[in-house]
């Protein structure tokens, strides 16, 4: 199951790379066309914006899987393993509930905007809002996988704090309590 989730995240990373490439080509092409030929790609701004929304939501799923979101572990890091497990379960249950709320809201927007067409591409605006549905489902699955790993005893005690205290610590890939202290 973990291997499947990792492959899914690698696929998402590849899709994000392609989307970023398309965004760069659209924006650069539009700039060149405007300055050199006094014309432009009509849909470039719209598609670039849509791709940015999708890249953001796909990146959030990958970050959720890799436990790369920033947070504060000042209290949780000092708890005994059972306290860390309780906090992990409570936090994940709350996040699953938030995924449910995002799913409901995004699905409502998808239904509302199915017949609303974007001005330049004439594609349904529901495509943009479906990014929320995608995130809610994918993120919920990643969270349930984390809980399943915890309940089956596959999470070590030193992995119970699933956030990074700061970007510096995340870059070093050290647990927050092992990070170098500022001078």
N, C-alpha and C. Protein backbone atom coordinates (compact mmCIF):
# COMPACT_ATOMS: atom_id res chain seq x y z
N UNK A 1 0.82 -1.19 0.00
CA UNK A 1 0.00 0.00 0.00
C UNK A 1 0.87 1.26 0.00
N UNK A 2 1.94 1.22 0.83
CA UNK A 2 2.85 2.36 0.87
C UNK A 2 3.54 2.57 -0.48
N UNK A 3 3.90 1.48 -1.09
CA UNK A 3 4.58 1.55 -2.39
C UNK A 3 3.66 2.17 -3.44
N UNK A 4 2.40 1.82 -3.39
CA UNK A 4 1.42 2.38 -4.31
C UNK A 4 1.27 3.89 -4.08
N UNK A 5 1.23 4.30 -2.82
CA UNK A 5 1.14 5.72 -2.49
C UNK A 5 2.38 6.47 -2.96
N UNK A 6 3.54 5.85 -2.80
CA UNK A 6 4.78 6.48 -3.26
C UNK A 6 4.81 6.62 -4.78
N UNK A 7 4.35 5.59 -5.48
CA UNK A 7 4.28 5.66 -6.95
C UNK A 7 3.29 6.74 -7.40
N UNK A 8 2.18 6.83 -6.69
CA UNK A 8 1.17 7.85 -6.98
C UNK A 8 1.79 9.25 -6.83
N UNK A 9 2.56 9.44 -5.76
CA UNK A 9 3.20 10.74 -5.54
C UNK A 9 4.26 11.03 -6.59
N UNK A 10 4.98 10.00 -7.04
CA UNK A 10 5.95 10.21 -8.12
C UNK A 10 5.24 10.61 -9.41
N UNK A 11 4.09 9.99 -9.66
CA UNK A 11 3.30 10.37 -10.83
C UNK A 11 2.84 11.82 -10.72
N UNK A 12 2.38 12.19 -9.53
CA UNK A 12 1.96 13.58 -9.31
C UNK A 12 3.11 14.55 -9.54
N UNK A 13 4.30 14.18 -9.07
CA UNK A 13 5.47 15.04 -9.28
C UNK A 13 5.77 15.20 -10.77
N UNK A 14 5.64 14.13 -11.52
CA UNK A 14 5.86 14.19 -12.96
C UNK A 14 4.81 15.09 -13.63
N UNK A 15 3.57 14.94 -13.22
CA UNK A 15 2.50 15.77 -13.78
C UNK A 15 2.73 17.24 -13.42
N UNK A 16 3.17 17.49 -12.19
CA UNK A 16 3.47 18.87 -11.78
C UNK A 16 4.60 19.46 -12.60
N UNK A 17 5.63 18.66 -12.89
CA UNK A 17 6.75 19.13 -13.70
C UNK A 17 6.27 19.50 -15.11
N UNK A 18 5.43 18.66 -15.69
CA UNK A 18 4.89 18.95 -17.02
C UNK A 18 4.03 20.21 -16.98
N UNK A 19 3.21 20.34 -15.93
CA UNK A 19 2.36 21.53 -15.81
C UNK A 19 3.20 22.80 -15.66
N UNK A 20 4.26 22.72 -14.87
CA UNK A 20 5.15 23.89 -14.72
C UNK A 20 5.82 24.23 -16.04
N UNK A 21 6.23 23.22 -16.79
CA UNK A 21 6.84 23.45 -18.10
C UNK A 21 5.84 24.14 -19.03
N UNK A 22 4.62 23.67 -19.05
CA UNK A 22 3.58 24.28 -19.89
C UNK A 22 3.34 25.72 -19.47
N UNK A 23 3.31 25.97 -18.15
CA UNK A 23 3.11 27.33 -17.66
C UNK A 23 4.24 28.25 -18.14
N UNK A 24 5.47 27.78 -18.05
CA UNK A 24 6.62 28.59 -18.49
C UNK A 24 6.53 28.86 -19.99
N UNK A 25 6.23 27.84 -20.77
CA UNK A 25 6.12 28.02 -22.22
C UNK A 25 5.01 29.00 -22.56
N UNK A 26 3.86 28.87 -21.91
CA UNK A 26 2.75 29.78 -22.18
C UNK A 26 3.10 31.22 -21.84
N UNK A 27 3.67 31.42 -20.67
CA UNK A 27 3.98 32.79 -20.25
C UNK A 27 5.11 33.38 -21.11
N UNK A 28 6.19 32.61 -21.29
CA UNK A 28 7.31 33.10 -22.10
C UNK A 28 6.86 33.35 -23.54
N UNK A 29 6.11 32.41 -24.10
CA UNK A 29 5.61 32.58 -25.47
C UNK A 29 4.72 33.80 -25.60
N UNK A 30 3.91 34.02 -24.61
CA UNK A 30 3.02 35.18 -24.63
C UNK A 30 3.82 36.48 -24.57
N UNK A 31 4.84 36.52 -23.73
CA UNK A 31 5.67 37.73 -23.62
C UNK A 31 6.38 38.00 -24.94
N UNK A 32 6.98 36.97 -25.53
CA UNK A 32 7.68 37.15 -26.80
C UNK A 32 6.71 37.61 -27.89
N UNK A 33 5.55 36.98 -27.95
CA UNK A 33 4.58 37.37 -28.98
C UNK A 33 4.09 38.80 -28.78
N UNK A 34 3.91 39.22 -27.54
CA UNK A 34 3.41 40.59 -27.31
C UNK A 34 4.45 41.63 -27.67
N UNK A 35 5.70 41.39 -27.28
CA UNK A 35 6.72 42.39 -27.55
C UNK A 35 7.25 42.34 -28.98
N UNK A 36 7.37 41.17 -29.55
CA UNK A 36 7.95 41.05 -30.88
C UNK A 36 6.93 41.18 -32.00
N UNK A 37 5.73 40.65 -31.78
CA UNK A 37 4.76 40.59 -32.88
C UNK A 37 3.44 41.30 -32.57
N UNK A 38 3.37 41.95 -31.42
CA UNK A 38 2.17 42.68 -31.01
C UNK A 38 0.91 41.81 -31.05
N UNK A 39 1.07 40.55 -30.64
CA UNK A 39 -0.07 39.63 -30.53
C UNK A 39 0.16 38.79 -29.27
N UNK A 40 -0.64 37.77 -29.08
CA UNK A 40 -0.46 36.93 -27.90
C UNK A 40 -1.29 35.67 -27.97
N UNK A 41 -1.07 34.81 -27.01
CA UNK A 41 -1.84 33.58 -26.90
C UNK A 41 -3.03 33.90 -25.99
N UNK A 42 -4.21 33.82 -26.53
CA UNK A 42 -5.40 34.26 -25.81
C UNK A 42 -5.63 33.49 -24.51
N UNK A 43 -5.41 32.20 -24.54
CA UNK A 43 -5.74 31.38 -23.37
C UNK A 43 -4.58 31.22 -22.39
N UNK A 44 -3.44 31.85 -22.66
CA UNK A 44 -2.26 31.58 -21.84
C UNK A 44 -2.45 31.97 -20.37
N UNK A 45 -3.03 33.13 -20.12
CA UNK A 45 -3.21 33.57 -18.73
C UNK A 45 -4.22 32.67 -18.01
N UNK A 46 -5.27 32.35 -18.68
CA UNK A 46 -6.30 31.50 -18.08
C UNK A 46 -5.77 30.10 -17.78
N UNK A 47 -5.14 29.47 -18.76
CA UNK A 47 -4.60 28.13 -18.55
C UNK A 47 -3.45 28.13 -17.54
N UNK A 48 -2.63 29.17 -17.57
CA UNK A 48 -1.55 29.29 -16.59
C UNK A 48 -2.08 29.36 -15.17
N UNK A 49 -3.15 30.11 -14.99
CA UNK A 49 -3.78 30.23 -13.67
C UNK A 49 -4.37 28.89 -13.24
N UNK A 50 -5.03 28.22 -14.15
CA UNK A 50 -5.63 26.92 -13.83
C UNK A 50 -4.55 25.90 -13.49
N UNK A 51 -3.48 25.87 -14.27
CA UNK A 51 -2.38 24.94 -13.99
C UNK A 51 -1.74 25.24 -12.64
N UNK A 52 -1.63 26.52 -12.30
CA UNK A 52 -1.06 26.88 -11.01
C UNK A 52 -1.93 26.35 -9.86
N UNK A 53 -3.24 26.47 -10.00
CA UNK A 53 -4.14 25.93 -8.98
C UNK A 53 -3.95 24.43 -8.85
N UNK A 54 -3.90 23.73 -9.96
CA UNK A 54 -3.73 22.27 -9.93
C UNK A 54 -2.38 21.87 -9.35
N UNK A 55 -1.31 22.58 -9.72
CA UNK A 55 0.01 22.28 -9.18
C UNK A 55 0.02 22.47 -7.67
N UNK A 56 -0.65 23.50 -7.20
CA UNK A 56 -0.71 23.75 -5.76
C UNK A 56 -1.40 22.61 -5.03
N UNK A 57 -2.52 22.15 -5.53
CA UNK A 57 -3.24 21.07 -4.86
C UNK A 57 -2.50 19.74 -4.97
N UNK A 58 -1.88 19.48 -6.13
CA UNK A 58 -1.10 18.24 -6.26
C UNK A 58 0.11 18.28 -5.33
N UNK A 59 0.75 19.43 -5.23
CA UNK A 59 1.89 19.58 -4.32
C UNK A 59 1.49 19.38 -2.87
N UNK A 60 0.28 19.81 -2.52
CA UNK A 60 -0.20 19.62 -1.15
C UNK A 60 -0.38 18.13 -0.84
N UNK A 61 -0.83 17.36 -1.83
CA UNK A 61 -0.98 15.91 -1.62
C UNK A 61 0.39 15.26 -1.41
N UNK A 62 1.36 15.64 -2.25
CA UNK A 62 2.70 15.08 -2.11
C UNK A 62 3.31 15.47 -0.77
N UNK A 63 3.14 16.72 -0.37
CA UNK A 63 3.67 17.17 0.92
C UNK A 63 3.00 16.44 2.08
N UNK A 64 1.73 16.14 1.94
CA UNK A 64 1.01 15.39 2.96
C UNK A 64 1.59 13.98 3.09
N UNK A 65 1.87 13.36 1.97
CA UNK A 65 2.45 12.01 1.98
C UNK A 65 3.85 11.99 2.57
N UNK A 66 4.64 13.02 2.25
CA UNK A 66 6.03 13.08 2.71
C UNK A 66 6.17 13.75 4.07
N UNK A 67 5.07 14.13 4.68
CA UNK A 67 5.06 14.81 5.97
C UNK A 67 5.94 16.06 5.93
N UNK A 68 5.81 16.81 4.87
CA UNK A 68 6.67 17.97 4.65
C UNK A 68 6.01 19.29 5.04
N UNK A 69 4.78 19.25 5.51
CA UNK A 69 4.14 20.49 5.93
C UNK A 69 4.78 20.99 7.22
N UNK A 70 4.87 22.31 7.32
CA UNK A 70 5.46 22.91 8.50
C UNK A 70 4.43 22.94 9.63
N UNK A 71 4.91 22.88 10.84
CA UNK A 71 4.03 22.93 12.00
C UNK A 71 4.83 23.20 13.25
N UNK A 72 4.16 23.20 14.36
CA UNK A 72 4.81 23.41 15.65
C UNK A 72 4.71 22.14 16.46
N UNK A 73 5.85 21.63 16.87
CA UNK A 73 5.85 20.40 17.65
C UNK A 73 6.37 20.61 19.07
N UNK A 74 6.30 21.85 19.55
CA UNK A 74 6.86 22.18 20.87
C UNK A 74 6.24 21.33 21.98
N UNK A 75 4.96 21.08 21.92
CA UNK A 75 4.29 20.28 22.94
C UNK A 75 4.38 18.79 22.62
N UNK A 76 4.03 18.43 21.41
CA UNK A 76 3.93 17.02 21.04
C UNK A 76 5.28 16.30 21.14
N UNK A 77 6.36 16.98 20.79
CA UNK A 77 7.68 16.35 20.84
C UNK A 77 8.09 15.98 22.26
N UNK A 78 7.49 16.62 23.25
CA UNK A 78 7.86 16.35 24.65
C UNK A 78 6.96 15.30 25.31
N UNK A 79 5.96 14.83 24.59
CA UNK A 79 5.05 13.83 25.15
C UNK A 79 5.65 12.43 25.07
N UNK A 80 5.19 11.53 25.93
CA UNK A 80 5.61 10.13 25.79
C UNK A 80 4.98 9.54 24.52
N UNK A 81 5.46 8.38 24.07
CA UNK A 81 4.95 7.80 22.81
C UNK A 81 3.42 7.66 22.77
N UNK A 82 2.79 7.29 23.85
CA UNK A 82 1.32 7.14 23.81
C UNK A 82 0.64 8.50 23.60
N UNK A 83 1.19 9.56 24.20
CA UNK A 83 0.65 10.90 23.98
C UNK A 83 0.83 11.36 22.55
N UNK A 84 2.00 11.03 21.98
CA UNK A 84 2.24 11.37 20.58
C UNK A 84 1.27 10.63 19.66
N UNK A 85 0.99 9.37 19.99
CA UNK A 85 0.06 8.58 19.18
C UNK A 85 -1.34 9.16 19.26
N UNK A 86 -1.77 9.54 20.46
CA UNK A 86 -3.10 10.14 20.63
C UNK A 86 -3.20 11.43 19.83
N UNK A 87 -2.17 12.28 19.92
CA UNK A 87 -2.18 13.54 19.17
C UNK A 87 -2.16 13.28 17.66
N UNK A 88 -1.41 12.28 17.25
CA UNK A 88 -1.35 11.93 15.83
C UNK A 88 -2.72 11.49 15.33
N UNK A 89 -3.38 10.64 16.08
CA UNK A 89 -4.71 10.16 15.68
C UNK A 89 -5.70 11.32 15.66
N UNK A 90 -5.71 12.13 16.70
CA UNK A 90 -6.64 13.27 16.75
C UNK A 90 -6.37 14.25 15.59
N UNK A 91 -5.10 14.55 15.36
CA UNK A 91 -4.75 15.46 14.26
C UNK A 91 -5.18 14.92 12.92
N UNK A 92 -4.95 13.63 12.71
CA UNK A 92 -5.33 13.02 11.43
C UNK A 92 -6.85 12.96 11.27
N UNK A 93 -7.57 12.69 12.34
CA UNK A 93 -9.03 12.68 12.25
C UNK A 93 -9.57 14.06 11.92
N UNK A 94 -8.97 15.09 12.51
CA UNK A 94 -9.39 16.46 12.20
C UNK A 94 -9.08 16.77 10.74
N UNK A 95 -7.89 16.36 10.27
CA UNK A 95 -7.54 16.63 8.87
C UNK A 95 -8.43 15.86 7.91
N UNK A 96 -8.82 14.64 8.26
CA UNK A 96 -9.76 13.89 7.42
C UNK A 96 -11.10 14.61 7.36
N UNK A 97 -11.54 15.16 8.49
CA UNK A 97 -12.79 15.92 8.50
C UNK A 97 -12.66 17.16 7.61
N UNK A 98 -11.52 17.84 7.67
CA UNK A 98 -11.30 19.01 6.81
C UNK A 98 -11.30 18.59 5.34
N UNK A 99 -10.71 17.44 5.04
CA UNK A 99 -10.76 16.93 3.66
C UNK A 99 -12.20 16.70 3.23
N UNK A 100 -13.02 16.19 4.14
CA UNK A 100 -14.44 15.99 3.84
C UNK A 100 -15.13 17.33 3.53
N UNK A 101 -14.81 18.35 4.34
CA UNK A 101 -15.40 19.67 4.11
C UNK A 101 -14.95 20.25 2.77
N UNK A 102 -13.66 20.09 2.45
CA UNK A 102 -13.15 20.56 1.16
C UNK A 102 -13.83 19.81 0.03
N UNK A 103 -14.02 18.50 0.21
CA UNK A 103 -14.70 17.70 -0.81
C UNK A 103 -16.12 18.22 -1.04
N UNK A 104 -16.86 18.42 0.04
CA UNK A 104 -18.24 18.88 -0.10
C UNK A 104 -18.31 20.23 -0.80
N UNK A 105 -17.48 21.18 -0.35
CA UNK A 105 -17.50 22.51 -0.95
C UNK A 105 -17.05 22.52 -2.39
N UNK A 106 -15.99 21.77 -2.67
CA UNK A 106 -15.49 21.72 -4.05
C UNK A 106 -16.47 21.02 -4.97
N UNK A 107 -17.07 19.95 -4.49
CA UNK A 107 -18.05 19.24 -5.33
C UNK A 107 -19.26 20.13 -5.62
N UNK A 108 -19.68 20.91 -4.63
CA UNK A 108 -20.78 21.84 -4.87
C UNK A 108 -20.39 22.86 -5.94
N UNK A 109 -19.15 23.37 -5.88
CA UNK A 109 -18.69 24.33 -6.88
C UNK A 109 -18.55 23.68 -8.27
N UNK A 110 -18.12 22.42 -8.29
CA UNK A 110 -18.03 21.71 -9.57
C UNK A 110 -19.41 21.62 -10.21
N UNK A 111 -20.41 21.26 -9.42
CA UNK A 111 -21.77 21.12 -9.96
C UNK A 111 -22.31 22.47 -10.43
N UNK A 112 -22.05 23.52 -9.65
CA UNK A 112 -22.54 24.86 -10.01
C UNK A 112 -21.88 25.35 -11.29
N UNK A 113 -20.59 25.09 -11.44
CA UNK A 113 -19.82 25.65 -12.55
C UNK A 113 -19.65 24.73 -13.74
N UNK A 114 -20.37 23.62 -13.76
CA UNK A 114 -20.26 22.69 -14.88
C UNK A 114 -20.71 23.33 -16.19
N UNK A 115 -21.70 24.18 -16.13
CA UNK A 115 -22.21 24.81 -17.35
C UNK A 115 -21.67 26.22 -17.57
N UNK A 116 -20.82 26.69 -16.65
CA UNK A 116 -20.22 28.02 -16.78
C UNK A 116 -18.91 27.86 -17.54
N UNK A 117 -18.79 28.56 -18.65
CA UNK A 117 -17.60 28.44 -19.48
C UNK A 117 -16.63 29.58 -19.22
N UNK A 118 -15.35 29.26 -19.25
CA UNK A 118 -14.31 30.28 -19.09
C UNK A 118 -14.32 31.19 -20.31
N UNK A 119 -13.98 32.46 -20.13
CA UNK A 119 -14.10 33.41 -21.24
C UNK A 119 -13.22 33.11 -22.45
N UNK A 120 -11.97 32.73 -22.26
CA UNK A 120 -11.12 32.58 -23.44
C UNK A 120 -11.00 31.14 -23.94
N UNK A 121 -11.01 30.17 -23.06
CA UNK A 121 -10.85 28.78 -23.50
C UNK A 121 -12.18 28.09 -23.79
N UNK A 122 -13.24 28.63 -23.26
CA UNK A 122 -14.58 28.04 -23.38
C UNK A 122 -14.66 26.64 -22.75
N UNK A 123 -13.78 26.37 -21.81
CA UNK A 123 -13.83 25.13 -21.03
C UNK A 123 -14.65 25.37 -19.77
N UNK A 124 -15.28 24.34 -19.22
CA UNK A 124 -16.07 24.54 -18.00
C UNK A 124 -15.19 24.95 -16.82
N UNK A 125 -15.63 25.93 -16.07
CA UNK A 125 -14.91 26.38 -14.88
C UNK A 125 -14.86 25.29 -13.81
N UNK A 126 -15.66 24.26 -13.96
CA UNK A 126 -15.66 23.16 -13.01
C UNK A 126 -14.29 22.49 -12.95
N UNK A 127 -13.50 22.60 -14.01
CA UNK A 127 -12.16 22.01 -14.03
C UNK A 127 -11.31 22.58 -12.91
N UNK A 128 -11.42 23.88 -12.68
CA UNK A 128 -10.64 24.52 -11.62
C UNK A 128 -11.08 23.99 -10.26
N UNK A 129 -12.36 23.93 -10.03
CA UNK A 129 -12.87 23.51 -8.73
C UNK A 129 -12.68 22.02 -8.48
N UNK A 130 -12.50 21.25 -9.53
CA UNK A 130 -12.27 19.82 -9.35
C UNK A 130 -10.92 19.55 -8.69
N UNK A 131 -10.02 20.52 -8.73
CA UNK A 131 -8.73 20.39 -8.03
C UNK A 131 -8.96 20.18 -6.53
N UNK A 132 -9.97 20.82 -5.97
CA UNK A 132 -10.31 20.63 -4.56
C UNK A 132 -10.84 19.24 -4.29
N UNK A 133 -11.66 18.73 -5.20
CA UNK A 133 -12.17 17.36 -5.07
C UNK A 133 -11.00 16.38 -5.13
N UNK A 134 -10.12 16.59 -6.10
CA UNK A 134 -8.94 15.74 -6.24
C UNK A 134 -8.11 15.74 -4.95
N UNK A 135 -7.84 16.94 -4.41
CA UNK A 135 -7.05 17.03 -3.18
C UNK A 135 -7.75 16.33 -2.02
N UNK A 136 -9.04 16.57 -1.87
CA UNK A 136 -9.77 15.99 -0.73
C UNK A 136 -9.72 14.47 -0.76
N UNK A 137 -9.91 13.88 -1.91
CA UNK A 137 -9.88 12.43 -2.02
C UNK A 137 -8.46 11.90 -1.82
N UNK A 138 -7.50 12.47 -2.54
CA UNK A 138 -6.12 12.00 -2.44
C UNK A 138 -5.54 12.23 -1.05
N UNK A 139 -5.77 13.42 -0.51
CA UNK A 139 -5.28 13.73 0.83
C UNK A 139 -5.92 12.84 1.88
N UNK A 140 -7.22 12.60 1.74
CA UNK A 140 -7.91 11.71 2.68
C UNK A 140 -7.34 10.31 2.66
N UNK A 141 -7.02 9.82 1.46
CA UNK A 141 -6.42 8.49 1.35
C UNK A 141 -5.05 8.45 2.01
N UNK A 142 -4.25 9.50 1.81
CA UNK A 142 -2.92 9.56 2.44
C UNK A 142 -3.03 9.58 3.97
N UNK A 143 -4.00 10.31 4.48
CA UNK A 143 -4.19 10.38 5.93
C UNK A 143 -4.67 9.04 6.50
N UNK A 144 -5.59 8.39 5.79
CA UNK A 144 -6.06 7.07 6.23
C UNK A 144 -4.90 6.07 6.19
N UNK A 145 -4.06 6.17 5.18
CA UNK A 145 -2.89 5.29 5.10
C UNK A 145 -1.97 5.50 6.31
N UNK A 146 -1.74 6.77 6.68
CA UNK A 146 -0.92 7.05 7.87
C UNK A 146 -1.53 6.42 9.12
N UNK A 147 -2.85 6.55 9.26
CA UNK A 147 -3.52 5.95 10.43
C UNK A 147 -3.41 4.43 10.40
N UNK A 148 -3.58 3.84 9.23
CA UNK A 148 -3.46 2.38 9.12
C UNK A 148 -2.06 1.92 9.50
N UNK A 149 -1.04 2.65 9.04
CA UNK A 149 0.33 2.30 9.40
C UNK A 149 0.55 2.42 10.91
N UNK A 150 -0.04 3.44 11.51
CA UNK A 150 0.08 3.61 12.96
C UNK A 150 -0.59 2.46 13.70
N UNK A 151 -1.81 2.13 13.31
CA UNK A 151 -2.56 1.09 14.02
C UNK A 151 -2.00 -0.31 13.79
N UNK A 152 -1.27 -0.51 12.69
CA UNK A 152 -0.66 -1.82 12.45
C UNK A 152 0.76 -1.89 12.99
N UNK A 153 1.18 -0.86 13.70
CA UNK A 153 2.48 -0.87 14.35
C UNK A 153 3.66 -0.65 13.42
N UNK A 154 3.43 -0.04 12.27
CA UNK A 154 4.50 0.18 11.30
C UNK A 154 5.14 1.56 11.41
N UNK A 155 4.73 2.34 12.42
CA UNK A 155 5.30 3.67 12.63
C UNK A 155 6.16 3.61 13.89
N UNK A 156 7.45 3.90 13.74
CA UNK A 156 8.36 3.90 14.88
C UNK A 156 8.08 5.11 15.78
N UNK A 157 8.49 5.01 17.03
CA UNK A 157 8.25 6.09 17.98
C UNK A 157 8.88 7.42 17.54
N UNK A 158 10.02 7.36 16.87
CA UNK A 158 10.67 8.60 16.44
C UNK A 158 10.00 9.20 15.19
N UNK A 159 9.01 8.52 14.63
CA UNK A 159 8.28 9.03 13.47
C UNK A 159 6.88 9.52 13.83
N UNK A 160 6.56 9.59 15.10
CA UNK A 160 5.21 9.96 15.52
C UNK A 160 4.91 11.44 15.34
N UNK A 161 5.92 12.27 15.31
CA UNK A 161 5.72 13.69 15.06
C UNK A 161 5.90 13.88 13.56
N UNK A 162 4.79 14.08 12.84
CA UNK A 162 4.82 14.06 11.38
C UNK A 162 4.81 15.45 10.76
N UNK A 163 5.48 16.39 11.39
CA UNK A 163 5.60 17.74 10.84
C UNK A 163 7.04 18.17 10.95
N UNK A 164 7.37 19.26 10.30
CA UNK A 164 8.70 19.86 10.43
C UNK A 164 8.54 21.19 11.15
N UNK A 165 9.41 21.44 12.12
CA UNK A 165 9.34 22.67 12.91
C UNK A 165 9.70 23.89 12.07
N UNK A 166 10.68 23.77 11.19
CA UNK A 166 11.08 24.91 10.36
C UNK A 166 11.59 24.40 9.02
N UNK A 167 11.68 25.32 8.08
CA UNK A 167 12.19 24.95 6.76
C UNK A 167 13.66 24.56 6.83
N UNK A 168 14.40 25.19 7.75
CA UNK A 168 15.82 24.85 7.89
C UNK A 168 15.99 23.41 8.34
N UNK A 169 15.17 22.99 9.31
CA UNK A 169 15.24 21.61 9.79
C UNK A 169 14.78 20.65 8.70
N UNK A 170 13.75 21.04 7.96
CA UNK A 170 13.26 20.19 6.87
C UNK A 170 14.34 20.01 5.80
N UNK A 171 15.09 21.07 5.52
CA UNK A 171 16.15 20.98 4.52
C UNK A 171 17.27 20.05 4.98
N UNK A 172 17.52 20.01 6.28
CA UNK A 172 18.55 19.13 6.82
C UNK A 172 18.05 17.70 6.97
N UNK A 173 16.70 17.53 6.93
CA UNK A 173 16.06 16.24 7.10
C UNK A 173 16.37 15.64 8.48
N UNK A 174 16.41 16.51 9.48
CA UNK A 174 16.61 16.08 10.86
C UNK A 174 15.32 16.27 11.64
N UNK A 175 15.06 15.46 12.65
CA UNK A 175 13.94 15.73 13.54
C UNK A 175 14.19 17.06 14.25
N UNK A 176 13.13 17.79 14.59
CA UNK A 176 13.26 19.12 15.18
C UNK A 176 14.09 19.11 16.45
N UNK A 177 13.97 18.07 17.27
CA UNK A 177 14.70 18.04 18.53
C UNK A 177 16.20 17.79 18.32
N UNK A 178 16.61 17.29 17.14
CA UNK A 178 18.02 17.05 16.85
C UNK A 178 18.65 18.19 16.05
N UNK A 179 17.85 19.19 15.68
CA UNK A 179 18.35 20.28 14.84
C UNK A 179 19.34 21.13 15.61
N UNK A 180 20.28 21.72 14.87
CA UNK A 180 21.23 22.60 15.53
C UNK A 180 20.52 23.79 16.13
N UNK A 181 20.93 24.21 17.31
CA UNK A 181 20.34 25.35 18.00
C UNK A 181 20.97 26.64 17.48
N UNK A 182 20.15 27.74 17.34
CA UNK A 182 20.73 29.01 16.90
C UNK A 182 21.66 29.57 17.98
N UNK A 183 22.67 30.31 17.54
CA UNK A 183 23.64 30.88 18.48
C UNK A 183 23.27 32.26 18.87
